[in-house]
Amino acid sequence: MAEFRRKTIGIAVVEYQGSYLIGTRPPGASLAGFAEFPGGKCEPGEEPSAAAVRECLEETGVTVEVRQLLTRRRYDYNYGSVDLHFFLCQPTESPEALTDLHGFRWEKVTALRTLKFPDANVPVVEMLEQRAKENASN
């Protein structure tokens, strides 16, 4: 059996006015049809936060800056192992001027639970819901 390497992934959890940037995994991709935050594999020598920013721009056209690391999760899927770094990000300018988000869309935090996310992302959605509750009570 060939040994495989755990892929390091940077993920941008982009928040803007109480909504999050969400896409759907395309047909033919691993986890096709599942909801996703923008992100992807780190290039050699690239930090996960830089990968999250780069991938978000490539996938959505939205330039973001990292506010904080939300969580890091290692997860084994049947197709391979991933080391996921979820970063809370914000757009560097108003995204309202962007008319094409390349298949991504803004979803309110209350809608996230209705979407089908990969298992590794479910705790992140729960964290975002908890943050929203805490912010509402402050």
C-alpha atoms as a PDB file:
ATOM      1  CA  MET A   1       0.000   0.000   0.000  1.00  0.00           C
ATOM      2  CA  ALA A   2       1.420   3.368  -1.005  1.00  0.00           C
ATOM      3  CA  GLU A   3       1.930   5.867   1.772  1.00  0.00           C
ATOM      4  CA  PHE A   4       0.188   9.163   1.195  1.00  0.00           C
ATOM      5  CA  ARG A   5       0.955  12.524   2.614  1.00  0.00           C
ATOM      6  CA  ARG A   6      -1.498  14.598   4.627  1.00  0.00           C
ATOM      7  CA  LYS A   7      -2.378  17.653   2.518  1.00  0.00           C
ATOM      8  CA  THR A   8      -2.233  21.031   4.267  1.00  0.00           C
ATOM      9  CA  ILE A   9      -5.224  23.177   3.325  1.00  0.00           C
ATOM     10  CA  GLY A  10      -5.839  26.872   4.006  1.00  0.00           C
ATOM     11  CA  ILE A  11      -9.526  27.800   4.206  1.00  0.00           C
ATOM     12  CA  ALA A  12     -10.953  31.332   4.201  1.00  0.00           C
ATOM     13  CA  VAL A  13     -14.112  31.643   6.291  1.00  0.00           C
ATOM     14  CA  VAL A  14     -15.058  35.043   4.878  1.00  0.00           C
ATOM     15  CA  GLU A  15     -17.482  37.050   6.999  1.00  0.00           C
ATOM     16  CA  TYR A  16     -19.234  40.176   5.737  1.00  0.00           C
ATOM     17  CA  GLN A  17     -22.199  41.821   7.454  1.00  0.00           C
ATOM     18  CA  GLY A  18     -23.289  38.623   9.194  1.00  0.00           C
ATOM     19  CA  SER A  19     -22.994  36.456   6.075  1.00  0.00           C
ATOM     20  CA  TYR A  20     -20.364  33.976   4.902  1.00  0.00           C
ATOM     21  CA  LEU A  21     -18.977  33.254   1.446  1.00  0.00           C
ATOM     22  CA  ILE A  22     -20.102  29.742   0.448  1.00  0.00           C
ATOM     23  CA  GLY A  23     -19.696  27.668  -2.706  1.00  0.00           C
ATOM     24  CA  THR A  24     -20.697  24.178  -3.813  1.00  0.00           C
ATOM     25  CA  ARG A  25     -18.119  21.538  -4.720  1.00  0.00           C
ATOM     26  CA  PRO A  26     -18.329  20.904  -8.482  1.00  0.00           C
ATOM     27  CA  PRO A  27     -19.228  17.583 -10.118  1.00  0.00           C
ATOM     28  CA  GLY A  28     -16.194  15.341 -10.439  1.00  0.00           C
ATOM     29  CA  ALA A  29     -14.427  16.893  -7.440  1.00  0.00           C
ATOM     30  CA  SER A  30     -14.012  15.059  -4.163  1.00  0.00           C
ATOM     31  CA  LEU A  31     -17.104  15.699  -2.029  1.00  0.00           C
ATOM     32  CA  ALA A  32     -19.021  16.949  -5.099  1.00  0.00           C
ATOM     33  CA  GLY A  33     -22.241  18.724  -4.195  1.00  0.00           C
ATOM     34  CA  PHE A  34     -21.136  19.625  -0.673  1.00  0.00           C
ATOM     35  CA  ALA A  35     -21.037  23.237   0.523  1.00  0.00           C
ATOM     36  CA  GLU A  36     -17.584  24.721   0.972  1.00  0.00           C
ATOM     37  CA  PHE A  37     -15.703  27.768   2.135  1.00  0.00           C
ATOM     38  CA  PRO A  38     -13.076  29.036  -0.342  1.00  0.00           C
ATOM     39  CA  GLY A  39      -9.677  27.440   0.138  1.00  0.00           C
ATOM     40  CA  GLY A  40      -7.200  24.932  -1.140  1.00  0.00           C
ATOM     41  CA  LYS A  41      -3.864  23.187  -0.892  1.00  0.00           C
ATOM     42  CA  CYS A  42      -0.783  25.050   0.257  1.00  0.00           C
ATOM     43  CA  GLU A  43       1.955  25.501  -2.329  1.00  0.00           C
ATOM     44  CA  PRO A  44       5.435  24.295  -1.250  1.00  0.00           C
ATOM     45  CA  GLY A  45       6.657  26.609   1.514  1.00  0.00           C
ATOM     46  CA  GLU A  46       3.360  28.532   1.667  1.00  0.00           C
ATOM     47  CA  GLU A  47       1.758  29.227   5.035  1.00  0.00           C
ATOM     48  CA  PRO A  48      -1.868  28.049   5.385  1.00  0.00           C
ATOM     49  CA  SER A  49      -3.052  31.637   5.997  1.00  0.00           C
ATOM     50  CA  ALA A  50      -1.439  32.779   2.735  1.00  0.00           C
ATOM     51  CA  ALA A  51      -3.025  29.826   0.913  1.00  0.00           C
ATOM     52  CA  ALA A  52      -6.445  30.797   2.278  1.00  0.00           C
ATOM     53  CA  VAL A  53      -6.046  34.385   1.008  1.00  0.00           C
ATOM     54  CA  ARG A  54      -4.692  33.259  -2.389  1.00  0.00           C
ATOM     55  CA  GLU A  55      -7.303  30.561  -2.931  1.00  0.00           C
ATOM     56  CA  CYS A  56     -10.141  32.893  -1.950  1.00  0.00           C
ATOM     57  CA  LEU A  57      -9.038  35.429  -4.558  1.00  0.00           C
ATOM     58  CA  GLU A  58      -8.566  32.725  -7.222  1.00  0.00           C
ATOM     59  CA  GLU A  59     -11.886  31.008  -6.506  1.00  0.00           C
ATOM     60  CA  THR A  60     -14.160  33.987  -5.817  1.00  0.00           C
ATOM     61  CA  GLY A  61     -12.449  37.200  -6.949  1.00  0.00           C
ATOM     62  CA  VAL A  62     -12.712  38.533  -3.372  1.00  0.00           C
ATOM     63  CA  THR A  63      -9.542  39.893  -1.748  1.00  0.00           C
ATOM     64  CA  VAL A  64      -9.478  39.150   1.976  1.00  0.00           C
ATOM     65  CA  GLU A  65      -7.321  39.599   5.030  1.00  0.00           C
ATOM     66  CA  VAL A  66      -7.020  37.100   7.848  1.00  0.00           C
ATOM     67  CA  ARG A  67      -8.430  38.185  11.208  1.00  0.00           C
ATOM     68  CA  GLN A  68      -7.697  35.020  13.193  1.00  0.00           C
ATOM     69  CA  LEU A  69      -7.247  31.273  13.087  1.00  0.00           C
ATOM     70  CA  LEU A  70     -10.654  29.795  13.954  1.00  0.00           C
ATOM     71  CA  THR A  71      -9.526  26.203  14.277  1.00  0.00           C
ATOM     72  CA  ARG A  72      -7.273  23.544  12.850  1.00  0.00           C
ATOM     73  CA  ARG A  73      -8.616  20.091  12.119  1.00  0.00           C
ATOM     74  CA  ARG A  74      -6.933  16.955  10.874  1.00  0.00           C
ATOM     75  CA  TYR A  75      -9.356  14.691   9.102  1.00  0.00           C
ATOM     76  CA  ASP A  76      -9.166  11.420   7.229  1.00  0.00           C
ATOM     77  CA  TYR A  77     -11.453  10.951   4.247  1.00  0.00           C
ATOM     78  CA  ASN A  78     -11.542   7.775   2.172  1.00  0.00           C
ATOM     79  CA  TYR A  79      -9.569   9.584  -0.559  1.00  0.00           C
ATOM     80  CA  GLY A  80      -6.855  10.979   1.710  1.00  0.00           C
ATOM     81  CA  SER A  81      -5.904  12.877   4.847  1.00  0.00           C
ATOM     82  CA  VAL A  82      -6.091  16.636   5.235  1.00  0.00           C
ATOM     83  CA  ASP A  83      -4.786  19.163   7.738  1.00  0.00           C
ATOM     84  CA  LEU A  84      -7.388  21.933   7.574  1.00  0.00           C
ATOM     85  CA  HIS A  85      -6.625  25.450   8.800  1.00  0.00           C
ATOM     86  CA  PHE A  86      -9.816  27.551   9.004  1.00  0.00           C
ATOM     87  CA  PHE A  87      -9.166  31.303   9.100  1.00  0.00           C
ATOM     88  CA  LEU A  88     -11.779  33.924   9.868  1.00  0.00           C
ATOM     89  CA  CYS A  89     -11.309  36.519   7.121  1.00  0.00           C
ATOM     90  CA  GLN A  90     -12.865  39.767   6.022  1.00  0.00           C
ATOM     91  CA  PRO A  91     -12.967  41.384   2.591  1.00  0.00           C
ATOM     92  CA  THR A  92     -10.418  44.169   2.143  1.00  0.00           C
ATOM     93  CA  GLU A  93     -13.001  46.214   0.240  1.00  0.00           C
ATOM     94  CA  SER A  94     -16.759  46.146  -0.149  1.00  0.00           C
ATOM     95  CA  PRO A  95     -17.650  42.983  -2.086  1.00  0.00           C
ATOM     96  CA  GLU A  96     -20.932  44.534  -3.274  1.00  0.00           C
ATOM     97  CA  ALA A  97     -19.120  45.847  -6.339  1.00  0.00           C
ATOM     98  CA  LEU A  98     -18.373  42.266  -7.422  1.00  0.00           C
ATOM     99  CA  THR A  99     -21.091  40.957  -9.697  1.00  0.00           C
ATOM    100  CA  ASP A 100     -19.539  37.535 -10.298  1.00  0.00           C
ATOM    101  CA  LEU A 101     -18.371  35.479  -7.328  1.00  0.00           C
ATOM    102  CA  HIS A 102     -17.564  32.496  -9.595  1.00  0.00           C
ATOM    103  CA  GLY A 103     -20.353  30.318  -8.202  1.00  0.00           C
ATOM    104  CA  PHE A 104     -19.916  31.417  -4.593  1.00  0.00           C
ATOM    105  CA  ARG A 105     -22.637  33.305  -2.720  1.00  0.00           C
ATOM    106  CA  TRP A 106     -23.230  35.045   0.595  1.00  0.00           C
ATOM    107  CA  GLU A 107     -25.209  33.008   3.145  1.00  0.00           C
ATOM    108  CA  LYS A 108     -26.487  34.229   6.516  1.00  0.00           C
ATOM    109  CA  VAL A 109     -25.104  32.338   9.510  1.00  0.00           C
ATOM    110  CA  THR A 110     -28.629  31.041  10.198  1.00  0.00           C
ATOM    111  CA  ALA A 111     -28.672  29.306   6.788  1.00  0.00           C
ATOM    112  CA  LEU A 112     -25.357  27.482   7.226  1.00  0.00           C
ATOM    113  CA  ARG A 113     -26.861  24.578   9.168  1.00  0.00           C
ATOM    114  CA  THR A 114     -29.277  23.888   6.290  1.00  0.00           C
ATOM    115  CA  LEU A 115     -26.353  23.313   3.910  1.00  0.00           C
ATOM    116  CA  LYS A 116     -24.593  19.979   3.446  1.00  0.00           C
ATOM    117  CA  PHE A 117     -20.957  20.563   4.526  1.00  0.00           C
ATOM    118  CA  PRO A 118     -18.246  17.897   4.678  1.00  0.00           C
ATOM    119  CA  ASP A 119     -17.961  16.286   8.125  1.00  0.00           C
ATOM    120  CA  ALA A 120     -14.698  18.112   8.861  1.00  0.00           C
ATOM    121  CA  ASN A 121     -16.463  21.480   8.441  1.00  0.00           C
ATOM    122  CA  VAL A 122     -19.455  20.840  10.718  1.00  0.00           C
ATOM    123  CA  PRO A 123     -17.650  21.973  13.932  1.00  0.00           C
ATOM    124  CA  VAL A 124     -16.678  25.211  12.142  1.00  0.00           C
ATOM    125  CA  VAL A 125     -20.316  25.911  11.270  1.00  0.00           C
ATOM    126  CA  GLU A 126     -21.181  25.288  14.932  1.00  0.00           C
ATOM    127  CA  MET A 127     -18.441  27.740  15.993  1.00  0.00           C
ATOM    128  CA  LEU A 128     -19.847  30.412  13.659  1.00  0.00           C
ATOM    129  CA  GLU A 129     -23.349  29.904  15.058  1.00  0.00           C
ATOM    130  CA  GLN A 130     -21.993  30.209  18.604  1.00  0.00           C
ATOM    131  CA  ARG A 131     -20.089  33.396  17.701  1.00  0.00           C
ATOM    132  CA  ALA A 132     -23.293  34.857  16.248  1.00  0.00           C
ATOM    133  CA  LYS A 133     -25.215  34.052  19.465  1.00  0.00           C
ATOM    134  CA  GLU A 134     -22.505  35.609  21.618  1.00  0.00           C
ATOM    135  CA  ASN A 135     -22.384  38.739  19.435  1.00  0.00           C
ATOM    136  CA  ALA A 136     -26.177  39.066  19.580  1.00  0.00           C
ATOM    137  CA  SER A 137     -26.163  38.927  23.382  1.00  0.00           C
ATOM    138  CA  ASN A 138     -23.450  41.618  23.708  1.00  0.00           C
END
